[in-house]
Amino acid sequence: MNSIDTRDLALIFGEKLAKRLYELDMAQIDFANRVGISKHTIWDYSSGKSCPNLTTAYRIATELGVSLDWMCGLADRDSEEEKKWKEALKSDVTAKLDKDLATIRKDILTLFERRQI
């Protein structure tokens, strides 16, 4: 197993934290309040200045919907929660597109019946 020093881990964790907050369009202050730690502490983590203890790291990963392994750079992305979230999002988008398509078809048929096409 490869050895990693604390500074490297802090940088990796910080990069992943910043990336995920960006993806979720979430401000550090909002996330800090959600997790129950200070904005300054979140900034320290996301900049790689410091690294959270295991309990806090787990809370952060859970709130972000990713695995702790991913946050530490030990695994590829998707946690089970994230996979579920992506599937739900895909289903929502597909349902919306299907509804929009049905509306468009109905409008075209209405126009055709009125001989406007």
N, C-alpha and C. Protein backbone atom coordinates (compact mmCIF):
# COMPACT_ATOMS: atom_id res chain seq x y z
N MET A 1 0.84 -1.18 0.00
CA MET A 1 0.00 0.00 0.00
C MET A 1 0.89 1.24 0.00
N ASN A 2 0.53 2.22 -0.82
CA ASN A 2 1.31 3.44 -0.91
C ASN A 2 1.12 4.30 0.33
N SER A 3 2.18 4.95 0.71
CA SER A 3 2.14 5.85 1.84
C SER A 3 1.80 7.25 1.34
N ILE A 4 1.03 7.98 2.12
CA ILE A 4 0.69 9.35 1.76
C ILE A 4 0.86 10.21 3.01
N ASP A 5 1.46 11.36 2.85
CA ASP A 5 1.65 12.19 4.04
C ASP A 5 0.42 13.08 4.26
N THR A 6 0.33 13.63 5.44
CA THR A 6 -0.83 14.40 5.86
C THR A 6 -1.07 15.59 4.95
N ARG A 7 -0.01 16.26 4.54
CA ARG A 7 -0.15 17.44 3.67
C ARG A 7 -0.77 17.04 2.32
N ASP A 8 -0.30 15.94 1.74
CA ASP A 8 -0.88 15.48 0.48
C ASP A 8 -2.35 15.11 0.65
N LEU A 9 -2.67 14.44 1.73
CA LEU A 9 -4.05 14.06 1.99
C LEU A 9 -4.93 15.30 2.16
N ALA A 10 -4.42 16.30 2.87
CA ALA A 10 -5.17 17.55 3.06
C ALA A 10 -5.44 18.21 1.71
N LEU A 11 -4.47 18.20 0.83
CA LEU A 11 -4.64 18.82 -0.50
C LEU A 11 -5.66 18.05 -1.34
N ILE A 12 -5.58 16.72 -1.30
CA ILE A 12 -6.53 15.90 -2.05
C ILE A 12 -7.94 16.10 -1.51
N PHE A 13 -8.08 16.02 -0.18
CA PHE A 13 -9.39 16.19 0.44
C PHE A 13 -9.95 17.57 0.10
N GLY A 14 -9.11 18.58 0.19
CA GLY A 14 -9.54 19.95 -0.10
C GLY A 14 -9.99 20.12 -1.54
N GLU A 15 -9.26 19.52 -2.46
CA GLU A 15 -9.62 19.59 -3.87
C GLU A 15 -10.97 18.93 -4.11
N LYS A 16 -11.17 17.78 -3.51
CA LYS A 16 -12.44 17.05 -3.69
C LYS A 16 -13.60 17.84 -3.05
N LEU A 17 -13.36 18.42 -1.89
CA LEU A 17 -14.39 19.22 -1.22
C LEU A 17 -14.78 20.41 -2.08
N ALA A 18 -13.80 21.14 -2.56
CA ALA A 18 -14.08 22.31 -3.40
C ALA A 18 -14.81 21.90 -4.68
N LYS A 19 -14.38 20.81 -5.28
CA LYS A 19 -15.01 20.33 -6.52
C LYS A 19 -16.47 19.98 -6.29
N ARG A 20 -16.73 19.26 -5.21
CA ARG A 20 -18.10 18.82 -4.94
C ARG A 20 -19.00 20.00 -4.57
N LEU A 21 -18.49 20.94 -3.80
CA LEU A 21 -19.29 22.13 -3.47
C LEU A 21 -19.63 22.90 -4.74
N TYR A 22 -18.67 22.98 -5.65
CA TYR A 22 -18.90 23.64 -6.93
C TYR A 22 -19.98 22.90 -7.72
N GLU A 23 -19.88 21.58 -7.79
CA GLU A 23 -20.86 20.78 -8.52
C GLU A 23 -22.26 20.96 -7.95
N LEU A 24 -22.35 21.08 -6.64
CA LEU A 24 -23.64 21.23 -5.98
C LEU A 24 -24.10 22.68 -5.92
N ASP A 25 -23.25 23.59 -6.43
CA ASP A 25 -23.53 25.02 -6.39
C ASP A 25 -23.87 25.47 -4.96
N MET A 26 -23.02 25.04 -4.03
CA MET A 26 -23.24 25.32 -2.62
C MET A 26 -22.10 26.19 -2.07
N ALA A 27 -22.47 27.25 -1.40
CA ALA A 27 -21.49 28.13 -0.78
C ALA A 27 -20.87 27.45 0.44
N GLN A 28 -19.62 27.77 0.71
CA GLN A 28 -18.93 27.19 1.86
C GLN A 28 -19.68 27.49 3.16
N ILE A 29 -20.20 28.71 3.30
CA ILE A 29 -20.91 29.07 4.53
C ILE A 29 -22.16 28.21 4.72
N ASP A 30 -22.88 27.96 3.63
CA ASP A 30 -24.08 27.11 3.72
C ASP A 30 -23.72 25.68 4.08
N PHE A 31 -22.65 25.19 3.47
CA PHE A 31 -22.23 23.83 3.78
C PHE A 31 -21.73 23.73 5.22
N ALA A 32 -20.97 24.73 5.64
CA ALA A 32 -20.46 24.73 7.01
C ALA A 32 -21.62 24.67 8.02
N ASN A 33 -22.64 25.46 7.78
CA ASN A 33 -23.81 25.45 8.67
C ASN A 33 -24.50 24.08 8.64
N ARG A 34 -24.58 23.50 7.48
CA ARG A 34 -25.23 22.19 7.32
C ARG A 34 -24.49 21.10 8.09
N VAL A 35 -23.15 21.16 8.05
CA VAL A 35 -22.34 20.14 8.71
C VAL A 35 -22.09 20.46 10.18
N GLY A 36 -22.26 21.73 10.54
CA GLY A 36 -22.09 22.12 11.93
C GLY A 36 -20.66 22.50 12.31
N ILE A 37 -19.93 23.05 11.34
CA ILE A 37 -18.58 23.56 11.63
C ILE A 37 -18.47 24.96 11.05
N SER A 38 -17.41 25.67 11.41
CA SER A 38 -17.30 27.07 10.99
C SER A 38 -16.92 27.19 9.51
N LYS A 39 -17.28 28.34 8.93
CA LYS A 39 -16.91 28.62 7.54
C LYS A 39 -15.39 28.64 7.40
N HIS A 40 -14.71 29.18 8.41
CA HIS A 40 -13.25 29.24 8.37
C HIS A 40 -12.65 27.83 8.31
N THR A 41 -13.24 26.91 9.06
CA THR A 41 -12.75 25.53 9.05
C THR A 41 -12.97 24.89 7.69
N ILE A 42 -14.15 25.11 7.09
CA ILE A 42 -14.42 24.59 5.74
C ILE A 42 -13.42 25.19 4.76
N TRP A 43 -13.13 26.47 4.89
CA TRP A 43 -12.15 27.11 4.01
C TRP A 43 -10.77 26.45 4.18
N ASP A 44 -10.39 26.19 5.45
CA ASP A 44 -9.10 25.52 5.70
C ASP A 44 -9.06 24.15 5.02
N TYR A 45 -10.16 23.41 5.11
CA TYR A 45 -10.22 22.09 4.48
C TYR A 45 -10.15 22.21 2.96
N SER A 46 -10.97 23.09 2.40
CA SER A 46 -11.04 23.17 0.93
C SER A 46 -9.77 23.74 0.31
N SER A 47 -9.01 24.50 1.08
CA SER A 47 -7.75 25.04 0.56
C SER A 47 -6.57 24.09 0.81
N GLY A 48 -6.83 23.01 1.54
CA GLY A 48 -5.76 22.05 1.83
C GLY A 48 -4.87 22.48 2.98
N LYS A 49 -5.29 23.53 3.68
CA LYS A 49 -4.51 24.03 4.81
C LYS A 49 -4.54 23.05 5.99
N SER A 50 -5.67 22.40 6.15
CA SER A 50 -5.78 21.39 7.22
C SER A 50 -6.71 20.29 6.76
N CYS A 51 -6.72 19.22 7.53
CA CYS A 51 -7.51 18.04 7.19
C CYS A 51 -8.39 17.69 8.38
N PRO A 52 -9.65 17.35 8.14
CA PRO A 52 -10.54 17.03 9.26
C PRO A 52 -10.19 15.71 9.92
N ASN A 53 -10.68 15.56 11.15
CA ASN A 53 -10.54 14.25 11.79
C ASN A 53 -11.49 13.27 11.10
N LEU A 54 -11.37 12.02 11.40
CA LEU A 54 -12.11 10.98 10.70
C LEU A 54 -13.63 11.17 10.81
N THR A 55 -14.11 11.51 11.98
CA THR A 55 -15.55 11.70 12.17
C THR A 55 -16.07 12.85 11.32
N THR A 56 -15.37 13.96 11.32
CA THR A 56 -15.78 15.12 10.53
C THR A 56 -15.66 14.83 9.04
N ALA A 57 -14.60 14.15 8.64
CA ALA A 57 -14.43 13.79 7.23
C ALA A 57 -15.58 12.91 6.76
N TYR A 58 -16.00 11.99 7.60
CA TYR A 58 -17.11 11.11 7.26
C TYR A 58 -18.41 11.91 7.12
N ARG A 59 -18.65 12.85 8.06
CA ARG A 59 -19.84 13.70 7.99
C ARG A 59 -19.84 14.52 6.70
N ILE A 60 -18.69 15.06 6.35
CA ILE A 60 -18.58 15.87 5.14
C ILE A 60 -18.88 15.02 3.90
N ALA A 61 -18.26 13.86 3.81
CA ALA A 61 -18.48 12.98 2.66
C ALA A 61 -19.95 12.58 2.55
N THR A 62 -20.55 12.24 3.67
CA THR A 62 -21.95 11.84 3.69
C THR A 62 -22.85 12.98 3.21
N GLU A 63 -22.60 14.18 3.73
CA GLU A 63 -23.40 15.34 3.33
C GLU A 63 -23.23 15.65 1.84
N LEU A 64 -22.06 15.37 1.31
CA LEU A 64 -21.79 15.63 -0.11
C LEU A 64 -22.26 14.50 -1.01
N GLY A 65 -22.67 13.38 -0.42
CA GLY A 65 -23.17 12.26 -1.20
C GLY A 65 -22.09 11.48 -1.93
N VAL A 66 -20.88 11.49 -1.36
CA VAL A 66 -19.76 10.75 -1.95
C VAL A 66 -19.14 9.88 -0.86
N SER A 67 -18.28 8.98 -1.27
CA SER A 67 -17.63 8.11 -0.29
C SER A 67 -16.42 8.81 0.33
N LEU A 68 -16.08 8.40 1.52
CA LEU A 68 -14.89 8.92 2.18
C LEU A 68 -13.64 8.51 1.39
N ASP A 69 -13.67 7.33 0.80
CA ASP A 69 -12.55 6.90 -0.04
C ASP A 69 -12.35 7.88 -1.20
N TRP A 70 -13.45 8.32 -1.83
CA TRP A 70 -13.33 9.26 -2.93
C TRP A 70 -12.75 10.59 -2.44
N MET A 71 -13.24 11.04 -1.29
CA MET A 71 -12.75 12.32 -0.73
C MET A 71 -11.25 12.27 -0.48
N CYS A 72 -10.75 11.09 -0.16
CA CYS A 72 -9.31 10.93 0.13
C CYS A 72 -8.51 10.52 -1.10
N GLY A 73 -9.16 10.42 -2.24
CA GLY A 73 -8.46 10.07 -3.47
C GLY A 73 -8.16 8.59 -3.61
N LEU A 74 -8.87 7.76 -2.86
CA LEU A 74 -8.59 6.33 -2.87
C LEU A 74 -9.54 5.53 -3.75
N ALA A 75 -10.56 6.17 -4.27
CA ALA A 75 -11.55 5.45 -5.08
C ALA A 75 -12.10 6.37 -6.15
N ASP A 76 -12.61 5.74 -7.18
CA ASP A 76 -13.34 6.51 -8.18
C ASP A 76 -14.62 6.99 -7.54
N ARG A 77 -15.18 7.88 -8.13
CA ARG A 77 -16.27 8.71 -7.69
C ARG A 77 -17.43 8.09 -6.93
N ASP A 78 -18.37 7.54 -7.59
CA ASP A 78 -19.73 7.41 -7.10
C ASP A 78 -19.93 6.52 -5.88
N SER A 79 -20.45 7.13 -4.83
CA SER A 79 -20.92 6.36 -3.69
C SER A 79 -22.31 5.83 -4.06
N GLU A 80 -22.84 4.97 -3.26
CA GLU A 80 -24.18 4.45 -3.52
C GLU A 80 -25.20 5.57 -3.50
N GLU A 81 -25.05 6.52 -2.57
CA GLU A 81 -25.97 7.65 -2.49
C GLU A 81 -25.91 8.48 -3.76
N GLU A 82 -24.70 8.72 -4.24
CA GLU A 82 -24.56 9.53 -5.45
C GLU A 82 -25.16 8.80 -6.65
N LYS A 83 -24.97 7.49 -6.72
CA LYS A 83 -25.56 6.73 -7.82
C LYS A 83 -27.09 6.86 -7.78
N LYS A 84 -27.67 6.75 -6.58
CA LYS A 84 -29.12 6.90 -6.44
C LYS A 84 -29.56 8.30 -6.85
N TRP A 85 -28.79 9.30 -6.42
CA TRP A 85 -29.11 10.69 -6.73
C TRP A 85 -29.07 10.91 -8.24
N LYS A 86 -28.04 10.39 -8.92
CA LYS A 86 -27.93 10.54 -10.37
C LYS A 86 -29.08 9.84 -11.09
N GLU A 87 -29.46 8.66 -10.63
CA GLU A 87 -30.57 7.93 -11.25
C GLU A 87 -31.87 8.70 -11.07
N ALA A 88 -32.08 9.25 -9.87
CA ALA A 88 -33.29 10.03 -9.62
C ALA A 88 -33.32 11.28 -10.51
N LEU A 89 -32.19 11.94 -10.64
CA LEU A 89 -32.10 13.12 -11.49
C LEU A 89 -32.37 12.76 -12.94
N LYS A 90 -31.78 11.65 -13.38
CA LYS A 90 -31.99 11.20 -14.75
C LYS A 90 -33.47 10.90 -14.98
N SER A 91 -34.11 10.25 -14.02
CA SER A 91 -35.54 9.94 -14.14
C SER A 91 -36.38 11.21 -14.20
N ASP A 92 -36.04 12.20 -13.36
CA ASP A 92 -36.77 13.47 -13.36
C ASP A 92 -36.63 14.18 -14.70
N VAL A 93 -35.42 14.22 -15.23
CA VAL A 93 -35.18 14.88 -16.51
C VAL A 93 -35.91 14.16 -17.63
N THR A 94 -35.84 12.83 -17.62
CA THR A 94 -36.53 12.05 -18.65
C THR A 94 -38.03 12.28 -18.58
N ALA A 95 -38.59 12.29 -17.39
CA ALA A 95 -40.02 12.52 -17.22
C ALA A 95 -40.41 13.91 -17.74
N LYS A 96 -39.60 14.91 -17.44
CA LYS A 96 -39.87 16.27 -17.91
C LYS A 96 -39.81 16.33 -19.43
N LEU A 97 -38.79 15.72 -20.01
CA LEU A 97 -38.66 15.71 -21.47
C LEU A 97 -39.84 14.99 -22.12
N ASP A 98 -40.25 13.86 -21.54
CA ASP A 98 -41.40 13.12 -22.07
C ASP A 98 -42.67 13.98 -22.02
N LYS A 99 -42.85 14.69 -20.91
CA LYS A 99 -44.02 15.56 -20.76
C LYS A 99 -43.97 16.69 -21.78
N ASP A 100 -42.81 17.31 -21.95
CA ASP A 100 -42.66 18.39 -22.93
C ASP A 100 -42.92 17.89 -24.34
N LEU A 101 -42.40 16.71 -24.66
CA LEU A 101 -42.61 16.12 -25.98
C LEU A 101 -44.09 15.84 -26.22
N ALA A 102 -44.78 15.34 -25.23
CA ALA A 102 -46.21 15.07 -25.36
C ALA A 102 -46.98 16.37 -25.61
N THR A 103 -46.60 17.43 -24.93
CA THR A 103 -47.25 18.73 -25.11
C THR A 103 -47.01 19.25 -26.53
N ILE A 104 -45.79 19.10 -27.01
CA ILE A 104 -45.47 19.55 -28.37
C ILE A 104 -46.27 18.76 -29.40
N ARG A 105 -46.35 17.44 -29.21
CA ARG A 105 -47.13 16.61 -30.13
C ARG A 105 -48.60 17.04 -30.14
N LYS A 106 -49.14 17.29 -28.96
CA LYS A 106 -50.54 17.71 -28.83
C LYS A 106 -50.75 19.04 -29.55
N ASP A 107 -49.83 19.98 -29.36
CA ASP A 107 -49.94 21.29 -30.02
C ASP A 107 -49.87 21.15 -31.54
N ILE A 108 -48.99 20.29 -32.04
CA ILE A 108 -48.88 20.07 -33.48
C ILE A 108 -50.16 19.46 -34.03
N LEU A 109 -50.70 18.47 -33.32
CA LEU A 109 -51.96 17.87 -33.77
C LEU A 109 -53.10 18.88 -33.78
N THR A 110 -53.16 19.73 -32.80
CA THR A 110 -54.19 20.77 -32.72
C THR A 110 -54.05 21.72 -33.91
N LEU A 111 -52.83 22.14 -34.18
CA LEU A 111 -52.60 23.03 -35.33
C LEU A 111 -52.94 22.34 -36.65
N PHE A 112 -52.59 21.08 -36.76
CA PHE A 112 -52.90 20.31 -37.97
C PHE A 112 -54.39 20.20 -38.18
N GLU A 113 -55.12 19.90 -37.08
CA GLU A 113 -56.58 19.78 -37.16
C GLU A 113 -57.21 21.09 -37.57
N ARG A 114 -56.65 22.19 -37.18
CA ARG A 114 -57.17 23.52 -37.55
C ARG A 114 -56.64 23.94 -38.94
N ARG A 115 -55.86 23.06 -39.53
CA ARG A 115 -55.27 23.28 -40.86
C ARG A 115 -54.34 24.50 -40.87
N GLN A 116 -53.68 24.68 -39.75
CA GLN A 116 -52.74 25.79 -39.67
C GLN A 116 -51.33 25.35 -40.03
N ILE A 117 -51.16 24.07 -40.32
CA ILE A 117 -49.85 23.58 -40.73
C ILE A 117 -49.98 23.04 -42.13
